[in-house]
Amino acid sequence: MASLAGTTLVWPGSPLDRIWILNPHAHEELAPFGKAAGIPLMLLAATLAVASAGWFKRRRWGWWLAVVIIATQVLGDLVNIFRGDLLRGGIGLPIAGALLFYLLHPRLRSAFVRVESSHVS
């Protein structure tokens, strides 16, 4: 969704713009920023793609990236709560918190391997 939203903000006016019917309020807020909002969304999508590649290959860096992403979500939900958006933050915080708790479990972490670099001697 981040890549789709970013694409429609960077190149508005395409048939893809119809996707905003799902969240017209977000479009109202983001559309005035155009590329300034679209490019970070596309970078977010790329970061999520890299994290998923590392995750499915069970690389330690993929696990770390997933932890950072979910921890950022937890912080964002806390900010929503403190700003008075209790519904969004109140629903998101327990979900993201549970995911972070799951990610930090030693048994899960041990499933991810650190790839050692080969040294040429």
N, C-alpha and C. Protein backbone atom coordinates (compact mmCIF):
# COMPACT_ATOMS: atom_id res chain seq x y z
N MET A 1 0.82 -1.19 0.00
CA MET A 1 0.00 0.00 0.00
C MET A 1 0.87 1.25 0.00
N ALA A 2 2.00 1.20 0.68
CA ALA A 2 2.88 2.37 0.71
C ALA A 2 3.40 2.68 -0.69
N SER A 3 3.76 1.65 -1.44
CA SER A 3 4.26 1.90 -2.79
C SER A 3 3.15 2.42 -3.70
N LEU A 4 1.95 1.91 -3.54
CA LEU A 4 0.83 2.37 -4.33
C LEU A 4 0.48 3.82 -3.98
N ALA A 5 0.43 4.13 -2.70
CA ALA A 5 0.14 5.51 -2.28
C ALA A 5 1.24 6.44 -2.76
N GLY A 6 2.48 6.02 -2.60
CA GLY A 6 3.60 6.85 -3.05
C GLY A 6 3.56 7.10 -4.55
N THR A 7 3.24 6.07 -5.30
CA THR A 7 3.17 6.20 -6.75
C THR A 7 2.09 7.18 -7.17
N THR A 8 0.92 7.09 -6.53
CA THR A 8 -0.17 7.99 -6.91
C THR A 8 0.10 9.43 -6.47
N LEU A 9 0.93 9.62 -5.46
CA LEU A 9 1.28 10.98 -5.05
C LEU A 9 2.36 11.58 -5.93
N VAL A 10 3.29 10.75 -6.37
CA VAL A 10 4.37 11.24 -7.24
C VAL A 10 3.85 11.47 -8.66
N TRP A 11 3.00 10.58 -9.15
CA TRP A 11 2.43 10.69 -10.49
C TRP A 11 0.90 10.69 -10.40
N PRO A 12 0.31 11.80 -9.98
CA PRO A 12 -1.15 11.84 -9.83
C PRO A 12 -1.86 11.83 -11.19
N GLY A 13 -3.13 11.47 -11.14
CA GLY A 13 -3.95 11.49 -12.35
C GLY A 13 -4.02 10.19 -13.09
N SER A 14 -3.43 9.13 -12.56
CA SER A 14 -3.48 7.84 -13.23
C SER A 14 -4.71 7.07 -12.75
N PRO A 15 -5.05 5.98 -13.44
CA PRO A 15 -6.16 5.15 -12.98
C PRO A 15 -5.95 4.59 -11.56
N LEU A 16 -4.68 4.58 -11.10
CA LEU A 16 -4.40 4.09 -9.75
C LEU A 16 -4.99 4.99 -8.66
N ASP A 17 -5.29 6.23 -9.01
CA ASP A 17 -5.84 7.17 -8.03
C ASP A 17 -7.15 6.68 -7.41
N ARG A 18 -7.83 5.79 -8.08
CA ARG A 18 -9.09 5.27 -7.54
C ARG A 18 -8.91 4.53 -6.21
N ILE A 19 -7.68 4.11 -5.92
CA ILE A 19 -7.42 3.39 -4.67
C ILE A 19 -7.72 4.28 -3.46
N TRP A 20 -7.64 5.61 -3.63
CA TRP A 20 -7.86 6.53 -2.52
C TRP A 20 -9.30 6.52 -2.01
N ILE A 21 -10.19 5.87 -2.71
CA ILE A 21 -11.56 5.76 -2.22
C ILE A 21 -11.58 4.98 -0.89
N LEU A 22 -10.55 4.16 -0.69
CA LEU A 22 -10.45 3.40 0.56
C LEU A 22 -10.14 4.28 1.76
N ASN A 23 -9.44 5.40 1.54
CA ASN A 23 -9.09 6.30 2.63
C ASN A 23 -9.02 7.74 2.10
N PRO A 24 -10.19 8.34 1.84
CA PRO A 24 -10.20 9.69 1.26
C PRO A 24 -9.61 10.75 2.20
N HIS A 25 -9.74 10.54 3.50
CA HIS A 25 -9.19 11.50 4.47
C HIS A 25 -7.65 11.56 4.33
N ALA A 26 -7.01 10.41 4.20
CA ALA A 26 -5.56 10.38 4.03
C ALA A 26 -5.16 11.08 2.73
N HIS A 27 -5.94 10.88 1.68
CA HIS A 27 -5.64 11.54 0.42
C HIS A 27 -5.75 13.05 0.55
N GLU A 28 -6.77 13.53 1.25
CA GLU A 28 -6.92 14.97 1.47
C GLU A 28 -5.71 15.55 2.19
N GLU A 29 -5.17 14.79 3.14
CA GLU A 29 -4.03 15.27 3.91
C GLU A 29 -2.71 15.17 3.14
N LEU A 30 -2.54 14.11 2.34
CA LEU A 30 -1.27 13.87 1.66
C LEU A 30 -1.16 14.51 0.28
N ALA A 31 -2.25 14.63 -0.44
CA ALA A 31 -2.21 15.12 -1.82
C ALA A 31 -1.54 16.49 -1.96
N PRO A 32 -1.77 17.44 -1.05
CA PRO A 32 -1.09 18.74 -1.22
C PRO A 32 0.44 18.65 -1.18
N PHE A 33 0.97 17.60 -0.56
CA PHE A 33 2.42 17.45 -0.45
C PHE A 33 3.03 16.78 -1.68
N GLY A 34 2.23 16.10 -2.47
CA GLY A 34 2.69 15.47 -3.71
C GLY A 34 3.94 14.62 -3.53
N LYS A 35 4.99 14.97 -4.27
CA LYS A 35 6.24 14.20 -4.25
C LYS A 35 6.89 14.18 -2.87
N ALA A 36 6.72 15.26 -2.11
CA ALA A 36 7.33 15.33 -0.78
C ALA A 36 6.77 14.25 0.15
N ALA A 37 5.56 13.80 -0.10
CA ALA A 37 4.99 12.69 0.67
C ALA A 37 5.16 11.36 -0.06
N GLY A 38 5.09 11.41 -1.38
CA GLY A 38 5.15 10.18 -2.17
C GLY A 38 6.50 9.49 -2.13
N ILE A 39 7.56 10.25 -2.22
CA ILE A 39 8.90 9.64 -2.23
C ILE A 39 9.20 8.93 -0.91
N PRO A 40 8.93 9.54 0.27
CA PRO A 40 9.15 8.78 1.51
C PRO A 40 8.30 7.51 1.60
N LEU A 41 7.08 7.56 1.07
CA LEU A 41 6.25 6.35 1.07
C LEU A 41 6.87 5.26 0.20
N MET A 42 7.45 5.67 -0.92
CA MET A 42 8.10 4.69 -1.79
C MET A 42 9.37 4.13 -1.12
N LEU A 43 10.08 4.97 -0.40
CA LEU A 43 11.25 4.49 0.36
C LEU A 43 10.83 3.54 1.47
N LEU A 44 9.71 3.85 2.12
CA LEU A 44 9.17 2.94 3.14
C LEU A 44 8.85 1.59 2.52
N ALA A 45 8.21 1.60 1.37
CA ALA A 45 7.87 0.35 0.69
C ALA A 45 9.13 -0.45 0.36
N ALA A 46 10.17 0.23 -0.10
CA ALA A 46 11.43 -0.46 -0.41
C ALA A 46 12.05 -1.05 0.85
N THR A 47 12.01 -0.30 1.95
CA THR A 47 12.55 -0.80 3.22
C THR A 47 11.78 -2.03 3.68
N LEU A 48 10.47 -2.00 3.55
CA LEU A 48 9.67 -3.16 3.94
C LEU A 48 9.97 -4.37 3.05
N ALA A 49 10.21 -4.13 1.77
CA ALA A 49 10.55 -5.23 0.85
C ALA A 49 11.90 -5.84 1.23
N VAL A 50 12.87 -5.00 1.55
CA VAL A 50 14.19 -5.50 1.97
C VAL A 50 14.06 -6.28 3.27
N ALA A 51 13.28 -5.76 4.21
CA ALA A 51 13.08 -6.46 5.49
C ALA A 51 12.43 -7.82 5.26
N SER A 52 11.45 -7.88 4.37
CA SER A 52 10.80 -9.17 4.12
C SER A 52 11.75 -10.16 3.46
N ALA A 53 12.61 -9.68 2.58
CA ALA A 53 13.60 -10.57 1.96
C ALA A 53 14.53 -11.14 3.02
N GLY A 54 15.03 -10.29 3.90
CA GLY A 54 15.89 -10.76 4.98
C GLY A 54 15.17 -11.68 5.94
N TRP A 55 13.91 -11.38 6.20
CA TRP A 55 13.10 -12.20 7.11
C TRP A 55 12.92 -13.61 6.54
N PHE A 56 12.52 -13.70 5.28
CA PHE A 56 12.25 -15.01 4.69
C PHE A 56 13.52 -15.81 4.45
N LYS A 57 14.66 -15.14 4.35
CA LYS A 57 15.94 -15.85 4.24
C LYS A 57 16.52 -16.14 5.62
N ARG A 58 15.79 -15.72 6.65
CA ARG A 58 16.20 -15.90 8.06
C ARG A 58 17.58 -15.33 8.36
N ARG A 59 17.80 -14.14 7.87
CA ARG A 59 19.04 -13.42 8.14
C ARG A 59 18.86 -12.57 9.38
N ARG A 60 19.91 -12.47 10.16
CA ARG A 60 19.82 -11.69 11.40
C ARG A 60 19.49 -10.23 11.09
N TRP A 61 20.04 -9.66 10.02
CA TRP A 61 19.75 -8.26 9.69
C TRP A 61 18.27 -8.08 9.34
N GLY A 62 17.65 -9.10 8.77
CA GLY A 62 16.21 -9.05 8.47
C GLY A 62 15.39 -9.01 9.74
N TRP A 63 15.84 -9.77 10.73
CA TRP A 63 15.16 -9.76 12.04
C TRP A 63 15.31 -8.38 12.68
N TRP A 64 16.54 -7.83 12.67
CA TRP A 64 16.77 -6.51 13.25
C TRP A 64 15.93 -5.45 12.56
N LEU A 65 15.86 -5.50 11.26
CA LEU A 65 15.08 -4.51 10.53
C LEU A 65 13.60 -4.63 10.87
N ALA A 66 13.11 -5.85 11.00
CA ALA A 66 11.72 -6.05 11.40
C ALA A 66 11.47 -5.49 12.81
N VAL A 67 12.40 -5.70 13.72
CA VAL A 67 12.27 -5.17 15.08
C VAL A 67 12.22 -3.64 15.05
N VAL A 68 13.08 -3.03 14.28
CA VAL A 68 13.10 -1.56 14.18
C VAL A 68 11.79 -1.04 13.59
N ILE A 69 11.29 -1.70 12.57
CA ILE A 69 10.05 -1.27 11.93
C ILE A 69 8.88 -1.37 12.91
N ILE A 70 8.77 -2.48 13.60
CA ILE A 70 7.65 -2.66 14.53
C ILE A 70 7.80 -1.75 15.75
N ALA A 71 9.03 -1.55 16.23
CA ALA A 71 9.25 -0.63 17.35
C ALA A 71 8.85 0.79 16.94
N THR A 72 9.12 1.17 15.70
CA THR A 72 8.70 2.47 15.21
C THR A 72 7.18 2.58 15.20
N GLN A 73 6.53 1.50 14.84
CA GLN A 73 5.06 1.48 14.87
C GLN A 73 4.54 1.64 16.29
N VAL A 74 5.17 0.98 17.25
CA VAL A 74 4.78 1.12 18.66
C VAL A 74 4.90 2.58 19.09
N LEU A 75 6.01 3.21 18.74
CA LEU A 75 6.21 4.63 19.09
C LEU A 75 5.15 5.51 18.42
N GLY A 76 4.85 5.22 17.17
CA GLY A 76 3.81 5.98 16.47
C GLY A 76 2.45 5.84 17.13
N ASP A 77 2.13 4.64 17.59
CA ASP A 77 0.86 4.42 18.28
C ASP A 77 0.82 5.17 19.61
N LEU A 78 1.95 5.20 20.32
CA LEU A 78 2.02 5.98 21.56
C LEU A 78 1.81 7.47 21.28
N VAL A 79 2.42 7.96 20.21
CA VAL A 79 2.23 9.37 19.83
C VAL A 79 0.75 9.63 19.53
N ASN A 80 0.11 8.72 18.82
CA ASN A 80 -1.32 8.88 18.54
C ASN A 80 -2.13 8.97 19.82
N ILE A 81 -1.83 8.13 20.79
CA ILE A 81 -2.55 8.15 22.06
C ILE A 81 -2.34 9.49 22.76
N PHE A 82 -1.09 9.95 22.84
CA PHE A 82 -0.81 11.21 23.52
C PHE A 82 -1.39 12.42 22.79
N ARG A 83 -1.60 12.30 21.49
CA ARG A 83 -2.21 13.38 20.71
C ARG A 83 -3.73 13.35 20.80
N GLY A 84 -4.27 12.34 21.45
CA GLY A 84 -5.71 12.25 21.62
C GLY A 84 -6.42 11.34 20.64
N ASP A 85 -5.69 10.70 19.75
CA ASP A 85 -6.29 9.76 18.81
C ASP A 85 -6.33 8.40 19.47
N LEU A 86 -7.24 8.27 20.43
CA LEU A 86 -7.28 7.06 21.27
C LEU A 86 -7.71 5.82 20.49
N LEU A 87 -8.56 6.00 19.50
CA LEU A 87 -9.02 4.83 18.74
C LEU A 87 -7.87 4.22 17.95
N ARG A 88 -7.18 5.03 17.16
CA ARG A 88 -6.08 4.52 16.34
C ARG A 88 -4.94 3.99 17.22
N GLY A 89 -4.51 4.80 18.17
CA GLY A 89 -3.41 4.39 19.04
C GLY A 89 -3.80 3.25 19.95
N GLY A 90 -5.03 3.27 20.43
CA GLY A 90 -5.50 2.23 21.35
C GLY A 90 -5.65 0.87 20.70
N ILE A 91 -5.94 0.87 19.42
CA ILE A 91 -6.03 -0.40 18.69
C ILE A 91 -4.64 -0.83 18.21
N GLY A 92 -3.87 0.12 17.70
CA GLY A 92 -2.56 -0.21 17.13
C GLY A 92 -1.53 -0.63 18.17
N LEU A 93 -1.55 0.02 19.34
CA LEU A 93 -0.53 -0.26 20.35
C LEU A 93 -0.52 -1.71 20.82
N PRO A 94 -1.66 -2.29 21.19
CA PRO A 94 -1.59 -3.70 21.61
C PRO A 94 -1.18 -4.66 20.49
N ILE A 95 -1.59 -4.34 19.27
CA ILE A 95 -1.22 -5.21 18.14
C ILE A 95 0.28 -5.12 17.87
N ALA A 96 0.78 -3.89 17.72
CA ALA A 96 2.21 -3.72 17.46
C ALA A 96 3.04 -4.19 18.66
N GLY A 97 2.54 -3.94 19.86
CA GLY A 97 3.24 -4.39 21.07
C GLY A 97 3.35 -5.90 21.11
N ALA A 98 2.27 -6.59 20.77
CA ALA A 98 2.31 -8.06 20.74
C ALA A 98 3.28 -8.56 19.69
N LEU A 99 3.29 -7.91 18.52
CA LEU A 99 4.24 -8.31 17.48
C LEU A 99 5.68 -8.10 17.94
N LEU A 100 5.93 -6.97 18.60
CA LEU A 100 7.29 -6.70 19.08
C LEU A 100 7.69 -7.72 20.15
N PHE A 101 6.78 -8.03 21.04
CA PHE A 101 7.04 -9.04 22.07
C PHE A 101 7.39 -10.37 21.41
N TYR A 102 6.63 -10.74 20.40
CA TYR A 102 6.89 -11.98 19.65
C TYR A 102 8.26 -11.96 18.99
N LEU A 103 8.58 -10.83 18.34
CA LEU A 103 9.86 -10.72 17.64
C LEU A 103 11.05 -10.82 18.60
N LEU A 104 10.88 -10.33 19.81
CA LEU A 104 11.98 -10.29 20.77
C LEU A 104 12.15 -11.60 21.55
N HIS A 105 11.26 -12.55 21.34
CA HIS A 105 11.38 -13.83 22.04
C HIS A 105 12.67 -14.53 21.60
N PRO A 106 13.48 -14.99 22.56
CA PRO A 106 14.77 -15.60 22.20
C PRO A 106 14.65 -16.78 21.24
N ARG A 107 13.59 -17.56 21.37
CA ARG A 107 13.44 -18.72 20.49
C ARG A 107 13.24 -18.29 19.03
N LEU A 108 12.48 -17.23 18.83
CA LEU A 108 12.30 -16.72 17.47
C LEU A 108 13.60 -16.12 16.96
N ARG A 109 14.24 -15.32 17.79
CA ARG A 109 15.50 -14.68 17.37
C ARG A 109 16.55 -15.72 16.98
N SER A 110 16.58 -16.82 17.69
CA SER A 110 17.58 -17.84 17.40
C SER A 110 17.38 -18.51 16.04
N ALA A 111 16.21 -18.32 15.44
CA ALA A 111 15.95 -18.91 14.12
C ALA A 111 16.63 -18.11 13.01
N PHE A 112 17.15 -16.94 13.35
CA PHE A 112 17.78 -16.08 12.36
C PHE A 112 19.29 -16.18 12.51
N VAL A 113 19.95 -16.41 11.39
CA VAL A 113 21.40 -16.64 11.43
C VAL A 113 22.16 -15.40 10.99
N ARG A 114 23.30 -15.26 11.57
CA ARG A 114 24.22 -14.19 11.14
C ARG A 114 25.09 -14.77 10.06
N VAL A 115 25.13 -14.11 8.93
CA VAL A 115 25.95 -14.58 7.82
C VAL A 115 27.35 -14.02 8.03
N GLU A 116 28.30 -14.92 8.15
CA GLU A 116 29.69 -14.51 8.33
C GLU A 116 30.29 -14.17 6.98
N SER A 117 31.03 -13.10 6.93
CA SER A 117 31.69 -12.73 5.69
C SER A 117 32.90 -13.64 5.49
N SER A 118 33.15 -14.00 4.25
CA SER A 118 34.31 -14.85 3.98
C SER A 118 35.54 -13.96 3.81
N HIS A 119 36.59 -14.37 4.44
CA HIS A 119 37.84 -13.62 4.36
C HIS A 119 38.78 -14.33 3.40
N VAL A 120 39.35 -13.57 2.50
CA VAL A 120 40.30 -14.13 1.56
C VAL A 120 41.68 -13.91 2.15
N SER A 121 42.43 -14.99 2.35
CA SER A 121 43.75 -14.87 2.94
C SER A 121 44.82 -15.11 1.92
